[in-house]
Protein backbone atom coordinates (compact mmCIF):
# COMPACT_ATOMS: atom_id res chain seq x y z
CA MET A 1 12.95 22.66 37.46
CA THR A 2 11.27 22.89 40.84
CA ALA A 3 10.24 20.38 43.44
CA GLY A 4 7.15 21.83 45.03
CA GLY A 5 6.90 24.49 47.73
CA SER A 6 4.53 26.70 49.68
CA ARG A 7 3.73 30.36 49.82
CA GLY A 8 4.08 32.65 52.78
CA ARG A 9 7.09 30.85 54.18
CA ARG A 10 8.85 32.68 56.97
CA ARG A 11 12.35 31.21 56.94
CA PRO A 12 14.84 32.31 54.28
CA VAL A 13 15.52 30.45 51.06
CA GLY A 14 19.15 29.64 50.27
CA LEU A 15 20.55 30.00 46.76
CA THR A 16 23.83 28.46 45.66
CA GLY A 17 25.60 27.02 42.64
CA GLY A 18 29.11 26.81 41.28
CA MET A 19 31.63 29.19 39.76
CA GLY A 20 30.34 30.39 36.40
CA ALA A 21 26.87 28.90 36.87
CA GLY A 22 25.18 32.31 37.11
CA LYS A 23 23.90 32.19 40.69
CA SER A 24 24.43 35.91 41.35
CA SER A 25 22.48 36.89 38.23
CA ALA A 26 19.68 34.53 39.29
CA ALA A 27 19.68 35.97 42.82
CA ARG A 28 19.55 39.52 41.45
CA PHE A 29 16.62 38.67 39.20
CA LEU A 30 14.64 37.00 42.00
CA ARG A 31 15.18 39.70 44.58
CA GLN A 32 14.22 42.48 42.17
CA ARG A 33 11.27 40.72 40.59
CA PHE A 34 9.78 39.40 43.85
CA GLY A 35 10.77 42.20 46.23
CA LEU A 36 12.90 39.99 48.43
CA ALA A 37 15.10 40.92 51.34
CA TYR A 38 18.57 39.71 50.42
CA ILE A 39 21.78 38.67 52.15
CA ASP A 40 25.02 37.78 50.34
CA ALA A 41 27.24 35.45 52.35
CA ASP A 42 30.23 36.43 50.21
CA VAL A 43 29.81 40.04 51.36
CA ILE A 44 29.70 38.84 54.97
CA CYS A 45 32.97 36.95 54.50
CA ARG A 46 34.66 39.91 52.83
CA GLN A 47 33.60 42.16 55.69
CA LEU A 48 34.87 39.66 58.25
CA LEU A 49 38.32 39.94 56.66
CA GLU A 50 38.48 43.73 56.79
CA PRO A 51 41.33 44.97 59.05
CA GLU A 52 40.51 44.54 62.75
CA ALA A 53 37.32 42.57 62.04
CA SER A 54 36.86 39.21 63.78
CA GLY A 55 37.83 37.14 60.73
CA TRP A 56 40.93 39.26 60.18
CA HIS A 57 42.02 38.64 63.77
CA ALA A 58 41.37 34.90 63.38
CA LEU A 59 43.46 34.84 60.19
CA VAL A 60 46.35 36.75 61.79
CA ASP A 61 46.25 34.63 64.95
CA CYS A 62 46.52 31.47 62.85
CA PHE A 63 48.86 32.52 60.02
CA GLY A 64 50.59 35.65 61.26
CA GLY A 65 51.30 38.10 58.46
CA ARG A 66 51.52 35.44 55.75
CA PHE A 67 48.44 36.71 53.91
CA LEU A 68 48.66 40.40 54.74
CA ALA A 69 49.57 43.23 52.40
CA PRO A 70 51.97 45.97 53.57
CA ASP A 71 49.02 48.07 54.76
CA ARG A 72 47.85 45.14 56.97
CA SER A 73 44.81 44.43 54.80
CA VAL A 74 44.32 40.87 53.59
CA ASP A 75 46.12 40.16 50.33
CA ARG A 76 43.10 38.48 48.79
CA PRO A 77 44.74 37.25 45.54
CA ARG A 78 47.54 35.60 47.53
CA LEU A 79 45.04 34.05 49.93
CA ARG A 80 42.83 32.84 47.08
CA ASP A 81 45.75 31.24 45.23
CA ALA A 82 46.90 29.50 48.41
CA ILE A 83 43.40 28.16 49.10
CA PHE A 84 43.05 26.71 45.61
CA ALA A 85 46.52 25.13 45.75
CA ASP A 86 46.30 23.63 49.25
CA PRO A 87 43.10 21.78 50.29
CA ALA A 88 44.35 21.38 53.88
CA LEU A 89 44.86 25.13 54.21
CA ARG A 90 41.42 25.74 52.70
CA GLN A 91 39.84 23.45 55.29
CA GLN A 92 41.72 25.18 58.07
CA LEU A 93 40.53 28.58 56.89
CA ASP A 94 36.95 27.30 56.58
CA ARG A 95 37.07 26.13 60.19
CA LEU A 96 38.13 29.63 61.21
CA LEU A 97 35.70 31.68 59.15
CA HIS A 98 32.55 29.59 58.72
CA PRO A 99 31.45 29.84 62.39
CA LEU A 100 32.00 33.60 62.32
CA ALA A 101 30.07 33.95 59.06
CA ARG A 102 27.25 31.80 60.40
CA ARG A 103 26.98 33.92 63.54
CA GLU A 104 26.81 37.09 61.46
CA LEU A 105 24.22 35.51 59.15
CA HIS A 106 22.05 34.70 62.17
CA ARG A 107 22.41 38.27 63.39
CA ARG A 108 21.29 39.70 60.07
CA LEU A 109 18.43 37.24 59.75
CA ALA A 110 17.25 38.18 63.24
CA ALA A 111 17.05 41.78 62.07
CA LEU A 112 14.79 40.57 59.24
CA ALA A 113 12.69 38.32 61.48
CA MET A 114 9.41 39.87 60.35
CA VAL A 115 10.26 39.66 56.65
CA GLY A 116 8.72 36.62 55.01
CA ARG A 117 10.44 36.99 51.65
CA CYS A 118 14.16 36.60 52.16
CA LEU A 119 16.82 35.14 49.87
CA VAL A 120 20.35 34.29 51.03
CA GLU A 121 23.04 33.70 48.42
CA VAL A 122 25.69 31.30 49.76
CA PRO A 123 28.29 30.08 47.23
CA LEU A 124 29.62 27.44 49.66
CA LEU A 125 26.28 26.48 51.21
CA TYR A 126 26.80 22.71 50.94
CA GLU A 127 30.52 22.89 51.66
CA ALA A 128 29.74 24.72 54.91
CA GLY A 129 26.90 22.35 55.82
CA TRP A 130 24.30 25.12 56.08
CA GLU A 131 21.34 23.32 54.48
CA ALA A 132 19.36 23.30 57.72
CA GLU A 133 19.52 27.09 57.93
CA PHE A 134 17.03 27.48 55.07
CA ASP A 135 13.48 26.68 54.12
CA GLY A 136 14.56 25.17 50.84
CA VAL A 137 17.71 25.43 48.73
CA VAL A 138 17.91 26.56 45.11
CA VAL A 139 20.88 25.46 42.98
CA VAL A 140 21.70 27.31 39.76
CA TYR A 141 23.20 24.77 37.37
CA ALA A 142 25.22 24.75 34.16
CA PRO A 143 27.47 22.00 32.75
CA PHE A 144 31.12 21.90 33.81
CA GLU A 145 32.56 22.94 30.44
CA GLN A 146 30.19 25.88 30.21
CA CYS A 147 31.01 27.04 33.73
CA ARG A 148 34.73 26.76 33.01
CA ALA A 149 34.43 28.84 29.82
CA ARG A 150 32.39 31.50 31.62
CA LEU A 151 34.88 31.62 34.48
CA CYS A 152 37.79 32.04 32.05
CA ARG A 153 36.03 34.94 30.33
CA ARG A 154 34.87 36.61 33.53
CA ASP A 155 38.14 36.41 35.47
CA ARG A 156 40.49 36.36 32.47
CA ILE A 157 42.21 33.21 33.63
CA SER A 158 43.39 30.04 31.90
CA GLY A 159 41.35 26.87 31.67
CA GLU A 160 43.76 25.19 34.07
CA ALA A 161 43.33 27.94 36.65
CA ALA A 162 39.56 27.77 36.28
CA GLU A 163 39.55 24.02 36.82
CA LEU A 164 41.73 24.37 39.90
CA ALA A 165 39.31 26.90 41.37
CA MET A 166 36.26 24.80 40.53
CA ALA A 167 37.86 21.70 42.05
CA ALA A 168 37.86 23.46 45.44
CA GLN A 169 34.06 23.12 45.55
CA ILE A 170 31.64 20.20 45.61
CA PRO A 171 30.81 19.26 41.98
CA LEU A 172 27.83 21.26 40.78
CA ALA A 173 25.99 18.14 39.58
CA GLU A 174 26.14 16.77 43.13
CA LYS A 175 24.76 20.03 44.53
CA ALA A 176 21.89 19.89 42.04
CA LEU A 177 20.99 16.38 43.17
CA ARG A 178 20.84 17.55 46.79
CA ALA A 179 18.74 20.67 46.14
CA GLY A 180 15.00 21.09 46.47
CA HIS A 181 14.92 23.38 43.43
CA VAL A 182 17.22 23.52 40.39
CA ILE A 183 17.49 26.30 37.81
CA ASP A 184 19.12 25.24 34.53
CA ASN A 185 21.18 28.21 33.32
CA SER A 186 22.82 26.44 30.40
CA GLY A 187 20.62 28.00 27.73
CA PRO A 188 19.58 31.53 26.71
CA TRP A 189 19.04 33.89 29.62
CA HIS A 190 15.37 34.49 28.76
CA GLU A 191 14.74 30.76 29.26
CA THR A 192 16.41 30.97 32.66
CA CYS A 193 14.20 33.95 33.53
CA LEU A 194 11.07 31.92 32.79
CA GLN A 195 12.28 29.23 35.19
CA LEU A 196 13.03 31.86 37.83
CA LEU A 197 9.58 33.39 37.45
CA HIS A 198 7.96 30.01 37.99
CA LEU A 199 10.22 29.28 40.95
CA GLY A 200 9.45 32.64 42.53
CA GLU A 201 5.71 32.08 42.18
CA VAL A 202 6.05 28.68 43.85
CA LEU A 203 8.13 30.02 46.73
CA TRP A 204 6.75 33.53 47.30
CA GLY A 205 3.58 33.96 45.29
CA GLU A 206 2.83 36.83 42.97
CA ALA A 207 5.73 38.98 41.80
CA ARG A 208 5.92 42.46 43.32
CA GLY A 209 8.67 44.24 41.41
CA ALA A 210 9.08 45.41 37.85
CA TRP A 211 10.98 43.32 35.33
CA PRO A 212 14.66 43.76 36.31
CA GLY A 213 15.99 45.93 33.52
CA ASP A 214 19.64 45.67 34.58
CA VAL A 215 19.81 41.88 34.45
CA SER A 216 20.56 41.08 30.82
CA THR A 217 22.82 38.07 31.16
CA GLY A 218 23.01 34.96 33.24
CA VAL A 219 26.80 34.71 33.33
């Protein structure tokens, strides 16, 4: 489902969703099919937490060695479990990292200033309040039970653990209501691809790339 749009837009389009909705598969399809420049906010955040990076220093300044492995790298499973279990800690970490991630996003977008076809995947776009950064937001949607089942299969976790992780984000139905464009990824992947093709034509015009041969699933 799409809500209008224009071609030749210069600012980036944001793409988000929820855990297990299939947003990364949708982003991969769009960027390959329409020849888009692409930025992954998750990659930015991971890089910020590499030893001696700005996010790593912010984490250590705030929490000491609580979330560090013996080699001084961030113990990501321990940090992830703590975030899901403690909303106050999650908010504190967001206040530390989101400004740094936003600054780095701006830096990378500036390097792509002359590129008119840019897609930015941001899992926590609404949670971070980044809507104004983009010329339109796309939400990839699937029902809660379907997302939970996909998350359990993908990460090999229990239903309870999946629900705890999903509860750390704004409900996906609420994100869909706030978005300018919604892709329903609850059915067969080929049906999702047809929606993505239509969306891409609305946002960027004629497709430029070949059919993405390595995108066979929307999970």
